[in-house]
Amino acid sequence: MNVFIVGCGMGNPTLLTMEAHAALRHCDVIIGSARILAGLSEKYEARKITEAIPDAITELVRSHPEWKSVGVAVSGDVGFYSAAKILLDKLADHAPVLLQGISSPQYFAARL
C-alpha cells in the first residue's frame, strides 16, 4: 500500500503542489479533517473519510489492506507545522511519502 501524507496548505485546492495533486488523483481513499476534505471534495474521485485523529487514521489504514493507495490530507506544510510528524511515526511500517504543501508563512510572504 502506498501512503501519501499531503500538506494541503490552508485548504485551498488551487494551492496544492503538482506532486500532491498527482498523488491524490491516484488514491483510492483520502482521509482528512472535514475542513480539508471540503476543499478536495469535487476535485478527486477517491472515497473521502473524515478523520483527523492520528491514532484513528492509523487504525483506518491498517484495517484496510485492500486499499492500494491512501492520501492523508493534513493542513499546512508537512515539514513545518502539521500532524505529519505523528503520522509519519505511526505509519512507519507503510513507509509514507511526505508531500509538501504551501504553509501560511510562505503564502503570506508571497502575497507581500
PDB file of N, CA and C in Angstrom:
ATOM      1  N   MET A   1       0.851  -1.187   0.000  1.00  0.00           N
ATOM      2  CA  MET A   1       0.000   0.000   0.000  1.00  0.00           C
ATOM      3  C   MET A   1       0.891   1.243   0.000  1.00  0.00           C
ATOM      4  N   ASN A   2       0.542   2.195  -0.863  1.00  0.00           N
ATOM      5  CA  ASN A   2       1.216   3.489  -0.874  1.00  0.00           C
ATOM      6  C   ASN A   2       0.454   4.440   0.044  1.00  0.00           C
ATOM      7  N   VAL A   3       1.180   5.122   0.920  1.00  0.00           N
ATOM      8  CA  VAL A   3       0.564   6.114   1.802  1.00  0.00           C
ATOM      9  C   VAL A   3       1.257   7.447   1.548  1.00  0.00           C
ATOM     10  N   PHE A   4       0.447   8.441   1.215  1.00  0.00           N
ATOM     11  CA  PHE A   4       0.949   9.795   0.981  1.00  0.00           C
ATOM     12  C   PHE A   4       0.395  10.706   2.061  1.00  0.00           C
ATOM     13  N   ILE A   5       1.265  11.391   2.772  1.00  0.00           N
ATOM     14  CA  ILE A   5       0.838  12.423   3.721  1.00  0.00           C
ATOM     15  C   ILE A   5       1.022  13.736   2.985  1.00  0.00           C
ATOM     16  N   VAL A   6      -0.106  14.357   2.675  1.00  0.00           N
ATOM     17  CA  VAL A   6      -0.115  15.513   1.779  1.00  0.00           C
ATOM     18  C   VAL A   6      -0.417  16.793   2.540  1.00  0.00           C
ATOM     19  N   GLY A   7       0.503  17.732   2.487  1.00  0.00           N
ATOM     20  CA  GLY A   7       0.276  19.051   3.061  1.00  0.00           C
ATOM     21  C   GLY A   7      -0.631  19.844   2.139  1.00  0.00           C
ATOM     22  N   CYS A   8      -1.790  20.225   2.648  1.00  0.00           N
ATOM     23  CA  CYS A   8      -2.784  20.935   1.828  1.00  0.00           C
ATOM     24  C   CYS A   8      -2.806  22.429   2.112  1.00  0.00           C
ATOM     25  N   GLY A   9      -1.763  22.934   2.728  1.00  0.00           N
ATOM     26  CA  GLY A   9      -1.708  24.365   2.981  1.00  0.00           C
ATOM     27  C   GLY A   9      -2.893  24.828   3.791  1.00  0.00           C
ATOM     28  N   MET A  10      -3.540  25.856   3.308  1.00  0.00           N
ATOM     29  CA  MET A  10      -4.677  26.438   4.026  1.00  0.00           C
ATOM     30  C   MET A  10      -5.998  25.820   3.605  1.00  0.00           C
ATOM     31  N   GLY A  11      -5.941  24.768   2.801  1.00  0.00           N
ATOM     32  CA  GLY A  11      -7.153  24.069   2.408  1.00  0.00           C
ATOM     33  C   GLY A  11      -7.712  24.475   1.060  1.00  0.00           C
ATOM     34  N   ASN A  12      -7.046  25.377   0.369  1.00  0.00           N
ATOM     35  CA  ASN A  12      -7.477  25.809  -0.951  1.00  0.00           C
ATOM     36  C   ASN A  12      -6.869  24.860  -1.991  1.00  0.00           C
ATOM     37  N   PRO A  13      -7.674  24.075  -2.692  1.00  0.00           N
ATOM     38  CA  PRO A  13      -7.113  23.085  -3.622  1.00  0.00           C
ATOM     39  C   PRO A  13      -6.287  23.691  -4.754  1.00  0.00           C
ATOM     40  N   THR A  14      -6.471  24.949  -5.047  1.00  0.00           N
ATOM     41  CA  THR A  14      -5.667  25.567  -6.105  1.00  0.00           C
ATOM     42  C   THR A  14      -4.232  25.818  -5.643  1.00  0.00           C
ATOM     43  N   LEU A  15      -3.979  25.672  -4.336  1.00  0.00           N
ATOM     44  CA  LEU A  15      -2.639  25.894  -3.814  1.00  0.00           C
ATOM     45  C   LEU A  15      -1.861  24.597  -3.584  1.00  0.00           C
ATOM     46  N   LEU A  16      -2.413  23.457  -4.009  1.00  0.00           N
ATOM     47  CA  LEU A  16      -1.684  22.194  -3.907  1.00  0.00           C
ATOM     48  C   LEU A  16      -0.526  22.185  -4.896  1.00  0.00           C
ATOM     49  N   THR A  17       0.549  21.536  -4.511  1.00  0.00           N
ATOM     50  CA  THR A  17       1.650  21.375  -5.460  1.00  0.00           C
ATOM     51  C   THR A  17       1.223  20.375  -6.540  1.00  0.00           C
ATOM     52  N   MET A  18       1.886  20.388  -7.644  1.00  0.00           N
ATOM     53  CA  MET A  18       1.579  19.444  -8.727  1.00  0.00           C
ATOM     54  C   MET A  18       1.815  18.003  -8.260  1.00  0.00           C
ATOM     55  N   GLU A  19       2.857  17.793  -7.464  1.00  0.00           N
ATOM     56  CA  GLU A  19       3.162  16.466  -6.940  1.00  0.00           C
ATOM     57  C   GLU A  19       2.030  15.962  -6.032  1.00  0.00           C
ATOM     58  N   ALA A  20       1.523  16.839  -5.177  1.00  0.00           N
ATOM     59  CA  ALA A  20       0.408  16.468  -4.298  1.00  0.00           C
ATOM     60  C   ALA A  20      -0.842  16.177  -5.114  1.00  0.00           C
ATOM     61  N   HIS A  21      -1.114  17.015  -6.090  1.00  0.00           N
ATOM     62  CA  HIS A  21      -2.272  16.815  -6.956  1.00  0.00           C
ATOM     63  C   HIS A  21      -2.203  15.456  -7.659  1.00  0.00           C
ATOM     64  N   ALA A  22      -1.043  15.129  -8.205  1.00  0.00           N
ATOM     65  CA  ALA A  22      -0.880  13.856  -8.923  1.00  0.00           C
ATOM     66  C   ALA A  22      -1.090  12.668  -7.985  1.00  0.00           C
ATOM     67  N   ALA A  23      -0.559  12.754  -6.779  1.00  0.00           N
ATOM     68  CA  ALA A  23      -0.720  11.652  -5.823  1.00  0.00           C
ATOM     69  C   ALA A  23      -2.184  11.480  -5.436  1.00  0.00           C
ATOM     70  N   LEU A  24      -2.870  12.563  -5.105  1.00  0.00           N
ATOM     71  CA  LEU A  24      -4.269  12.474  -4.685  1.00  0.00           C
ATOM     72  C   LEU A  24      -5.165  11.974  -5.816  1.00  0.00           C
ATOM     73  N   ARG A  25      -4.828  12.313  -7.045  1.00  0.00           N
ATOM     74  CA  ARG A  25      -5.610  11.856  -8.194  1.00  0.00           C
ATOM     75  C   ARG A  25      -5.622  10.341  -8.318  1.00  0.00           C
ATOM     76  N   HIS A  26      -4.590   9.689  -7.818  1.00  0.00           N
ATOM     77  CA  HIS A  26      -4.474   8.238  -7.961  1.00  0.00           C
ATOM     78  C   HIS A  26      -4.782   7.464  -6.676  1.00  0.00           C
ATOM     79  N   CYS A  27      -5.260   8.142  -5.647  1.00  0.00           N
ATOM     80  CA  CYS A  27      -5.565   7.472  -4.383  1.00  0.00           C
ATOM     81  C   CYS A  27      -6.942   6.814  -4.424  1.00  0.00           C
ATOM     82  N   ASP A  28      -7.047   5.679  -3.745  1.00  0.00           N
ATOM     83  CA  ASP A  28      -8.331   5.012  -3.563  1.00  0.00           C
ATOM     84  C   ASP A  28      -9.156   5.731  -2.502  1.00  0.00           C
ATOM     85  N   VAL A  29      -8.461   6.264  -1.496  1.00  0.00           N
ATOM     86  CA  VAL A  29      -9.098   6.887  -0.341  1.00  0.00           C
ATOM     87  C   VAL A  29      -8.295   8.120   0.043  1.00  0.00           C
ATOM     88  N   ILE A  30      -9.001   9.169   0.450  1.00  0.00           N
ATOM     89  CA  ILE A  30      -8.352  10.355   1.020  1.00  0.00           C
ATOM     90  C   ILE A  30      -8.955  10.562   2.400  1.00  0.00           C
ATOM     91  N   ILE A  31      -8.085  10.624   3.408  1.00  0.00           N
ATOM     92  CA  ILE A  31      -8.501  10.805   4.792  1.00  0.00           C
ATOM     93  C   ILE A  31      -8.049  12.179   5.257  1.00  0.00           C
ATOM     94  N   GLY A  32      -8.923  12.894   5.957  1.00  0.00           N
ATOM     95  CA  GLY A  32      -8.542  14.202   6.488  1.00  0.00           C
ATOM     96  C   GLY A  32      -9.670  14.834   7.276  1.00  0.00           C
ATOM     97  N   SER A  33      -9.407  16.007   7.796  1.00  0.00           N
ATOM     98  CA  SER A  33     -10.429  16.737   8.554  1.00  0.00           C
ATOM     99  C   SER A  33     -11.536  17.201   7.611  1.00  0.00           C
ATOM    100  N   ALA A  34     -12.680  17.487   8.171  1.00  0.00           N
ATOM    101  CA  ALA A  34     -13.821  17.936   7.365  1.00  0.00           C
ATOM    102  C   ALA A  34     -13.467  19.192   6.569  1.00  0.00           C
ATOM    103  N   ARG A  35     -12.748  20.122   7.185  1.00  0.00           N
ATOM    104  CA  ARG A  35     -12.378  21.373   6.520  1.00  0.00           C
ATOM    105  C   ARG A  35     -11.479  21.119   5.315  1.00  0.00           C
ATOM    106  N   ILE A  36     -10.487  20.270   5.478  1.00  0.00           N
ATOM    107  CA  ILE A  36      -9.574  19.980   4.367  1.00  0.00           C
ATOM    108  C   ILE A  36     -10.297  19.204   3.266  1.00  0.00           C
ATOM    109  N   LEU A  37     -11.087  18.208   3.644  1.00  0.00           N
ATOM    110  CA  LEU A  37     -11.797  17.411   2.638  1.00  0.00           C
ATOM    111  C   LEU A  37     -12.817  18.234   1.868  1.00  0.00           C
ATOM    112  N   ALA A  38     -13.404  19.238   2.513  1.00  0.00           N
ATOM    113  CA  ALA A  38     -14.378  20.091   1.818  1.00  0.00           C
ATOM    114  C   ALA A  38     -13.737  20.763   0.606  1.00  0.00           C
ATOM    115  N   GLY A  39     -12.480  21.134   0.728  1.00  0.00           N
ATOM    116  CA  GLY A  39     -11.778  21.757  -0.389  1.00  0.00           C
ATOM    117  C   GLY A  39     -11.384  20.781  -1.478  1.00  0.00           C
ATOM    118  N   LEU A  40     -11.357  19.498  -1.138  1.00  0.00           N
ATOM    119  CA  LEU A  40     -10.936  18.476  -2.105  1.00  0.00           C
ATOM    120  C   LEU A  40     -12.105  17.688  -2.673  1.00  0.00           C
ATOM    121  N   SER A  41     -13.300  17.926  -2.167  1.00  0.00           N
ATOM    122  CA  SER A  41     -14.439  17.054  -2.450  1.00  0.00           C
ATOM    123  C   SER A  41     -14.761  16.896  -3.929  1.00  0.00           C
ATOM    124  N   GLU A  42     -14.741  17.951  -4.687  1.00  0.00           N
ATOM    125  CA  GLU A  42     -15.144  17.853  -6.093  1.00  0.00           C
ATOM    126  C   GLU A  42     -13.974  17.567  -7.027  1.00  0.00           C
ATOM    127  N   LYS A  43     -12.778  17.733  -6.541  1.00  0.00           N
ATOM    128  CA  LYS A  43     -11.613  17.640  -7.397  1.00  0.00           C
ATOM    129  C   LYS A  43     -11.103  16.205  -7.591  1.00  0.00           C
ATOM    130  N   TYR A  44     -11.355  15.343  -6.617  1.00  0.00           N
ATOM    131  CA  TYR A  44     -10.808  13.985  -6.657  1.00  0.00           C
ATOM    132  C   TYR A  44     -11.917  12.961  -6.491  1.00  0.00           C
ATOM    133  N   GLU A  45     -11.838  11.884  -7.249  1.00  0.00           N
ATOM    134  CA  GLU A  45     -12.873  10.854  -7.236  1.00  0.00           C
ATOM    135  C   GLU A  45     -12.729   9.872  -6.080  1.00  0.00           C
ATOM    136  N   ALA A  46     -11.616   9.874  -5.402  1.00  0.00           N
ATOM    137  CA  ALA A  46     -11.372   8.929  -4.314  1.00  0.00           C
ATOM    138  C   ALA A  46     -12.434   9.049  -3.225  1.00  0.00           C
ATOM    139  N   ARG A  47     -12.685   7.944  -2.544  1.00  0.00           N
ATOM    140  CA  ARG A  47     -13.579   7.959  -1.390  1.00  0.00           C
ATOM    141  C   ARG A  47     -12.951   8.855  -0.324  1.00  0.00           C
ATOM    142  N   LYS A  48     -13.745   9.694   0.309  1.00  0.00           N
ATOM    143  CA  LYS A  48     -13.260  10.596   1.352  1.00  0.00           C
ATOM    144  C   LYS A  48     -13.740  10.087   2.710  1.00  0.00           C
ATOM    145  N   ILE A  49     -12.825  10.065   3.661  1.00  0.00           N
ATOM    146  CA  ILE A  49     -13.160   9.661   5.028  1.00  0.00           C
ATOM    147  C   ILE A  49     -12.743  10.786   5.960  1.00  0.00           C
ATOM    148  N   THR A  50     -13.706  11.309   6.689  1.00  0.00           N
ATOM    149  CA  THR A  50     -13.430  12.395   7.621  1.00  0.00           C
ATOM    150  C   THR A  50     -12.860  11.836   8.913  1.00  0.00           C
ATOM    151  N   GLU A  51     -11.606  12.152   9.142  1.00  0.00           N
ATOM    152  CA  GLU A  51     -10.920  11.749  10.373  1.00  0.00           C
ATOM    153  C   GLU A  51      -9.664  12.596  10.520  1.00  0.00           C
ATOM    154  N   ALA A  52      -9.417  13.109  11.721  1.00  0.00           N
ATOM    155  CA  ALA A  52      -8.254  13.961  11.928  1.00  0.00           C
ATOM    156  C   ALA A  52      -7.367  13.494  13.081  1.00  0.00           C
ATOM    157  N   ILE A  53      -7.798  12.484  13.816  1.00  0.00           N
ATOM    158  CA  ILE A  53      -7.029  11.998  14.957  1.00  0.00           C
ATOM    159  C   ILE A  53      -6.011  10.965  14.464  1.00  0.00           C
ATOM    160  N   PRO A  54      -4.715  11.204  14.711  1.00  0.00           N
ATOM    161  CA  PRO A  54      -3.681  10.308  14.181  1.00  0.00           C
ATOM    162  C   PRO A  54      -3.878   8.825  14.521  1.00  0.00           C
ATOM    163  N   ASP A  55      -4.276   8.496  15.749  1.00  0.00           N
ATOM    164  CA  ASP A  55      -4.487   7.085  16.100  1.00  0.00           C
ATOM    165  C   ASP A  55      -5.613   6.467  15.269  1.00  0.00           C
ATOM    166  N   ALA A  56      -6.682   7.215  15.052  1.00  0.00           N
ATOM    167  CA  ALA A  56      -7.813   6.718  14.260  1.00  0.00           C
ATOM    168  C   ALA A  56      -7.421   6.576  12.789  1.00  0.00           C
ATOM    169  N   ILE A  57      -6.639   7.502  12.279  1.00  0.00           N
ATOM    170  CA  ILE A  57      -6.159   7.413  10.893  1.00  0.00           C
ATOM    171  C   ILE A  57      -5.287   6.175  10.731  1.00  0.00           C
ATOM    172  N   THR A  58      -4.398   5.960  11.689  1.00  0.00           N
ATOM    173  CA  THR A  58      -3.523   4.789  11.651  1.00  0.00           C
ATOM    174  C   THR A  58      -4.340   3.503  11.645  1.00  0.00           C
ATOM    175  N   GLU A  59      -5.356   3.431  12.482  1.00  0.00           N
ATOM    176  CA  GLU A  59      -6.212   2.241  12.541  1.00  0.00           C
ATOM    177  C   GLU A  59      -6.955   2.026  11.226  1.00  0.00           C
ATOM    178  N   LEU A  60      -7.446   3.106  10.630  1.00  0.00           N
ATOM    179  CA  LEU A  60      -8.122   3.000   9.330  1.00  0.00           C
ATOM    180  C   LEU A  60      -7.199   2.399   8.277  1.00  0.00           C
ATOM    181  N   VAL A  61      -6.004   2.919   8.194  1.00  0.00           N
ATOM    182  CA  VAL A  61      -5.049   2.446   7.182  1.00  0.00           C
ATOM    183  C   VAL A  61      -4.707   0.981   7.416  1.00  0.00           C
ATOM    184  N   ARG A  62      -4.433   0.630   8.648  1.00  0.00           N
ATOM    185  CA  ARG A  62      -4.043  -0.751   8.963  1.00  0.00           C
ATOM    186  C   ARG A  62      -5.189  -1.746   8.782  1.00  0.00           C
ATOM    187  N   SER A  63      -6.415  -1.292   8.939  1.00  0.00           N
ATOM    188  CA  SER A  63      -7.550  -2.219   8.864  1.00  0.00           C
ATOM    189  C   SER A  63      -8.094  -2.397   7.442  1.00  0.00           C
ATOM    190  N   HIS A  64      -7.452  -1.742   6.458  1.00  0.00           N
ATOM    191  CA  HIS A  64      -7.909  -1.857   5.070  1.00  0.00           C
ATOM    192  C   HIS A  64      -6.753  -2.188   4.131  1.00  0.00           C
ATOM    193  N   PRO A  65      -6.231  -3.410   4.220  1.00  0.00           N
ATOM    194  CA  PRO A  65      -5.114  -3.778   3.345  1.00  0.00           C
ATOM    195  C   PRO A  65      -5.496  -3.817   1.863  1.00  0.00           C
ATOM    196  N   GLU A  66      -6.797  -3.793   1.574  1.00  0.00           N
ATOM    197  CA  GLU A  66      -7.240  -3.806   0.171  1.00  0.00           C
ATOM    198  C   GLU A  66      -7.001  -2.462  -0.529  1.00  0.00           C
ATOM    199  N   TRP A  67      -6.821  -1.405   0.245  1.00  0.00           N
ATOM    200  CA  TRP A  67      -6.530  -0.109  -0.363  1.00  0.00           C
ATOM    201  C   TRP A  67      -5.126  -0.156  -0.950  1.00  0.00           C
ATOM    202  N   LYS A  68      -4.990   0.280  -2.183  1.00  0.00           N
ATOM    203  CA  LYS A  68      -3.685   0.283  -2.835  1.00  0.00           C
ATOM    204  C   LYS A  68      -2.934   1.592  -2.612  1.00  0.00           C
ATOM    205  N   SER A  69      -3.683   2.682  -2.503  1.00  0.00           N
ATOM    206  CA  SER A  69      -3.061   3.997  -2.340  1.00  0.00           C
ATOM    207  C   SER A  69      -3.952   4.875  -1.470  1.00  0.00           C
ATOM    208  N   VAL A  70      -3.365   5.436  -0.415  1.00  0.00           N
ATOM    209  CA  VAL A  70      -4.110   6.249   0.549  1.00  0.00           C
ATOM    210  C   VAL A  70      -3.463   7.616   0.651  1.00  0.00           C
ATOM    211  N   GLY A  71      -4.278   8.648   0.572  1.00  0.00           N
ATOM    212  CA  GLY A  71      -3.813  10.003   0.819  1.00  0.00           C
ATOM    213  C   GLY A  71      -4.323  10.464   2.171  1.00  0.00           C
ATOM    214  N   VAL A  72      -3.423  10.972   2.982  1.00  0.00           N
ATOM    215  CA  VAL A  72      -3.815  11.561   4.249  1.00  0.00           C
ATOM    216  C   VAL A  72      -3.570  13.062   4.102  1.00  0.00           C
ATOM    217  N   ALA A  73      -4.652  13.807   4.020  1.00  0.00           N
ATOM    218  CA  ALA A  73      -4.571  15.245   3.786  1.00  0.00           C
ATOM    219  C   ALA A  73      -4.468  15.972   5.120  1.00  0.00           C
ATOM    220  N   VAL A  74      -3.393  16.713   5.298  1.00  0.00           N
ATOM    221  CA  VAL A  74      -3.182  17.472   6.532  1.00  0.00           C
ATOM    222  C   VAL A  74      -3.065  18.957   6.190  1.00  0.00           C
ATOM    223  N   SER A  75      -3.365  19.791   7.145  1.00  0.00           N
ATOM    224  CA  SER A  75      -3.259  21.228   6.894  1.00  0.00           C
ATOM    225  C   SER A  75      -1.803  21.659   6.964  1.00  0.00           C
ATOM    226  N   GLY A  76      -1.523  22.770   6.351  1.00  0.00           N
ATOM    227  CA  GLY A  76      -0.194  23.354   6.415  1.00  0.00           C
ATOM    228  C   GLY A  76       0.840  22.630   5.584  1.00  0.00           C
ATOM    229  N   ASP A  77       2.059  22.774   6.016  1.00  0.00           N
ATOM    230  CA  ASP A  77       3.229  22.225   5.358  1.00  0.00           C
ATOM    231  C   ASP A  77       3.708  21.046   6.199  1.00  0.00           C
ATOM    232  N   VAL A  78       3.887  19.892   5.617  1.00  0.00           N
ATOM    233  CA  VAL A  78       4.230  18.691   6.381  1.00  0.00           C
ATOM    234  C   VAL A  78       5.557  18.803   7.126  1.00  0.00           C
ATOM    235  N   GLY A  79       6.405  19.719   6.739  1.00  0.00           N
ATOM    236  CA  GLY A  79       7.686  19.888   7.413  1.00  0.00           C
ATOM    237  C   GLY A  79       7.705  21.003   8.431  1.00  0.00           C
ATOM    238  N   PHE A  80       6.633  21.757   8.517  1.00  0.00           N
ATOM    239  CA  PHE A  80       6.647  22.949   9.366  1.00  0.00           C
ATOM    240  C   PHE A  80       5.728  22.805  10.567  1.00  0.00           C
ATOM    241  N   TYR A  81       4.454  22.602  10.335  1.00  0.00           N
ATOM    242  CA  TYR A  81       3.501  22.525  11.438  1.00  0.00           C
ATOM    243  C   TYR A  81       2.265  21.779  10.974  1.00  0.00           C
ATOM    244  N   SER A  82       2.179  20.508  11.342  1.00  0.00           N
ATOM    245  CA  SER A  82       1.012  19.713  10.978  1.00  0.00           C
ATOM    246  C   SER A  82       1.053  18.401  11.745  1.00  0.00           C
ATOM    247  N   ALA A  83       0.079  17.545  11.483  1.00  0.00           N
ATOM    248  CA  ALA A  83       0.026  16.221  12.100  1.00  0.00           C
ATOM    249  C   ALA A  83       0.979  15.247  11.417  1.00  0.00           C
ATOM    250  N   ALA A  84       1.692  15.701  10.432  1.00  0.00           N
ATOM    251  CA  ALA A  84       2.533  14.814   9.628  1.00  0.00           C
ATOM    252  C   ALA A  84       3.575  14.068  10.454  1.00  0.00           C
ATOM    253  N   LYS A  85       4.233  14.724  11.380  1.00  0.00           N
ATOM    254  CA  LYS A  85       5.286  14.087  12.173  1.00  0.00           C
ATOM    255  C   LYS A  85       4.733  12.898  12.944  1.00  0.00           C
ATOM    256  N   ILE A  86       3.599  13.069  13.591  1.00  0.00           N
ATOM    257  CA  ILE A  86       2.985  11.984  14.359  1.00  0.00           C
ATOM    258  C   ILE A  86       2.594  10.844  13.416  1.00  0.00           C
ATOM    259  N   LEU A  87       1.964  11.191  12.293  1.00  0.00           N
ATOM    260  CA  LEU A  87       1.529  10.168  11.332  1.00  0.00           C
ATOM    261  C   LEU A  87       2.710   9.436  10.707  1.00  0.00           C
ATOM    262  N   LEU A  88       3.781  10.141  10.467  1.00  0.00           N
ATOM    263  CA  LEU A  88       4.975   9.528   9.888  1.00  0.00           C
ATOM    264  C   LEU A  88       5.486   8.420  10.805  1.00  0.00           C
ATOM    265  N   ASP A  89       5.501   8.673  12.104  1.00  0.00           N
ATOM    266  CA  ASP A  89       5.943   7.673  13.070  1.00  0.00           C
ATOM    267  C   ASP A  89       4.945   6.518  13.176  1.00  0.00           C
ATOM    268  N   LYS A  90       3.654   6.843  13.259  1.00  0.00           N
ATOM    269  CA  LYS A  90       2.625   5.813  13.451  1.00  0.00           C
ATOM    270  C   LYS A  90       2.445   4.916  12.224  1.00  0.00           C
ATOM    271  N   LEU A  91       2.705   5.447  11.042  1.00  0.00           N
ATOM    272  CA  LEU A  91       2.528   4.687   9.803  1.00  0.00           C
ATOM    273  C   LEU A  91       3.860   4.239   9.201  1.00  0.00           C
ATOM    274  N   ALA A  92       4.899   4.221  10.016  1.00  0.00           N
ATOM    275  CA  ALA A  92       6.253   3.913   9.530  1.00  0.00           C
ATOM    276  C   ALA A  92       6.325   2.582   8.793  1.00  0.00           C
ATOM    277  N   ASP A  93       5.526   1.606   9.204  1.00  0.00           N
ATOM    278  CA  ASP A  93       5.560   0.299   8.536  1.00  0.00           C
ATOM    279  C   ASP A  93       5.038   0.357   7.100  1.00  0.00           C
ATOM    280  N   HIS A  94       4.404   1.462   6.717  1.00  0.00           N
ATOM    281  CA  HIS A  94       3.924   1.647   5.342  1.00  0.00           C
ATOM    282  C   HIS A  94       4.833   2.588   4.536  1.00  0.00           C
ATOM    283  N   ALA A  95       5.925   3.029   5.154  1.00  0.00           N
ATOM    284  CA  ALA A  95       6.879   3.946   4.511  1.00  0.00           C
ATOM    285  C   ALA A  95       6.166   5.108   3.814  1.00  0.00           C
ATOM    286  N   PRO A  96       5.429   5.923   4.579  1.00  0.00           N
ATOM    287  CA  PRO A  96       4.679   7.014   3.949  1.00  0.00           C
ATOM    288  C   PRO A  96       5.594   8.032   3.261  1.00  0.00           C
ATOM    289  N   VAL A  97       5.062   8.596   2.207  1.00  0.00           N
ATOM    290  CA  VAL A  97       5.767   9.630   1.454  1.00  0.00           C
ATOM    291  C   VAL A  97       5.187  10.979   1.863  1.00  0.00           C
ATOM    292  N   LEU A  98       6.059  11.895   2.255  1.00  0.00           N
ATOM    293  CA  LEU A  98       5.620  13.247   2.614  1.00  0.00           C
ATOM    294  C   LEU A  98       5.621  14.126   1.379  1.00  0.00           C
ATOM    295  N   LEU A  99       4.508  14.790   1.130  1.00  0.00           N
ATOM    296  CA  LEU A  99       4.404  15.722   0.009  1.00  0.00           C
ATOM    297  C   LEU A  99       4.131  17.109   0.570  1.00  0.00           C
ATOM    298  N   GLN A 100       5.068  17.989   0.345  1.00  0.00           N
ATOM    299  CA  GLN A 100       4.996  19.342   0.891  1.00  0.00           C
ATOM    300  C   GLN A 100       3.776  20.107   0.394  1.00  0.00           C
ATOM    301  N   GLY A 101       3.281  20.956   1.272  1.00  0.00           N
ATOM    302  CA  GLY A 101       2.236  21.897   0.908  1.00  0.00           C
ATOM    303  C   GLY A 101       2.768  23.313   1.059  1.00  0.00           C
ATOM    304  N   ILE A 102       1.954  24.260   0.772  1.00  0.00           N
ATOM    305  CA  ILE A 102       2.336  25.661   0.935  1.00  0.00           C
ATOM    306  C   ILE A 102       1.874  26.098   2.320  1.00  0.00           C
ATOM    307  N   SER A 103       2.816  26.482   3.167  1.00  0.00           N
ATOM    308  CA  SER A 103       2.476  26.894   4.531  1.00  0.00           C
ATOM    309  C   SER A 103       1.943  28.324   4.541  1.00  0.00           C
ATOM    310  N   SER A 104       1.282  28.685   5.618  1.00  0.00           N
ATOM    311  CA  SER A 104       0.761  30.048   5.762  1.00  0.00           C
ATOM    312  C   SER A 104       1.868  31.097   5.676  1.00  0.00           C
ATOM    313  N   PRO A 105       3.033  30.889   6.357  1.00  0.00           N
ATOM    314  CA  PRO A 105       4.113  31.882   6.214  1.00  0.00           C
ATOM    315  C   PRO A 105       4.603  32.043   4.779  1.00  0.00           C
ATOM    316  N   GLN A 106       4.681  30.940   4.031  1.00  0.00           N
ATOM    317  CA  GLN A 106       5.104  31.023   2.630  1.00  0.00           C
ATOM    318  C   GLN A 106       4.090  31.818   1.815  1.00  0.00           C
ATOM    319  N   TYR A 107       2.828  31.508   2.028  1.00  0.00           N
ATOM    320  CA  TYR A 107       1.763  32.205   1.297  1.00  0.00           C
ATOM    321  C   TYR A 107       1.759  33.689   1.637  1.00  0.00           C
ATOM    322  N   PHE A 108       1.899  33.992   2.921  1.00  0.00           N
ATOM    323  CA  PHE A 108       1.918  35.381   3.379  1.00  0.00           C
ATOM    324  C   PHE A 108       3.089  36.137   2.747  1.00  0.00           C
ATOM    325  N   ALA A 109       4.275  35.519   2.752  1.00  0.00           N
ATOM    326  CA  ALA A 109       5.449  36.170   2.177  1.00  0.00           C
ATOM    327  C   ALA A 109       5.265  36.423   0.678  1.00  0.00           C
ATOM    328  N   ALA A 110       4.673  35.474  -0.012  1.00  0.00           N
ATOM    329  CA  ALA A 110       4.448  35.643  -1.444  1.00  0.00           C
ATOM    330  C   ALA A 110       3.454  36.760  -1.727  1.00  0.00           C
ATOM    331  N   ARG A 111       2.456  36.905  -0.864  1.00  0.00           N
ATOM    332  CA  ARG A 111       1.445  37.945  -1.059  1.00  0.00           C
ATOM    333  C   ARG A 111       2.011  39.342  -0.787  1.00  0.00           C
ATOM    334  N   LEU A 112       3.026  39.419   0.065  1.00  0.00           N
ATOM    335  CA  LEU A 112       3.665  40.705   0.335  1.00  0.00           C
ATOM    336  C   LEU A 112       4.378  41.205  -0.905  1.00  0.00           C
TER     337      LEU A 112
END
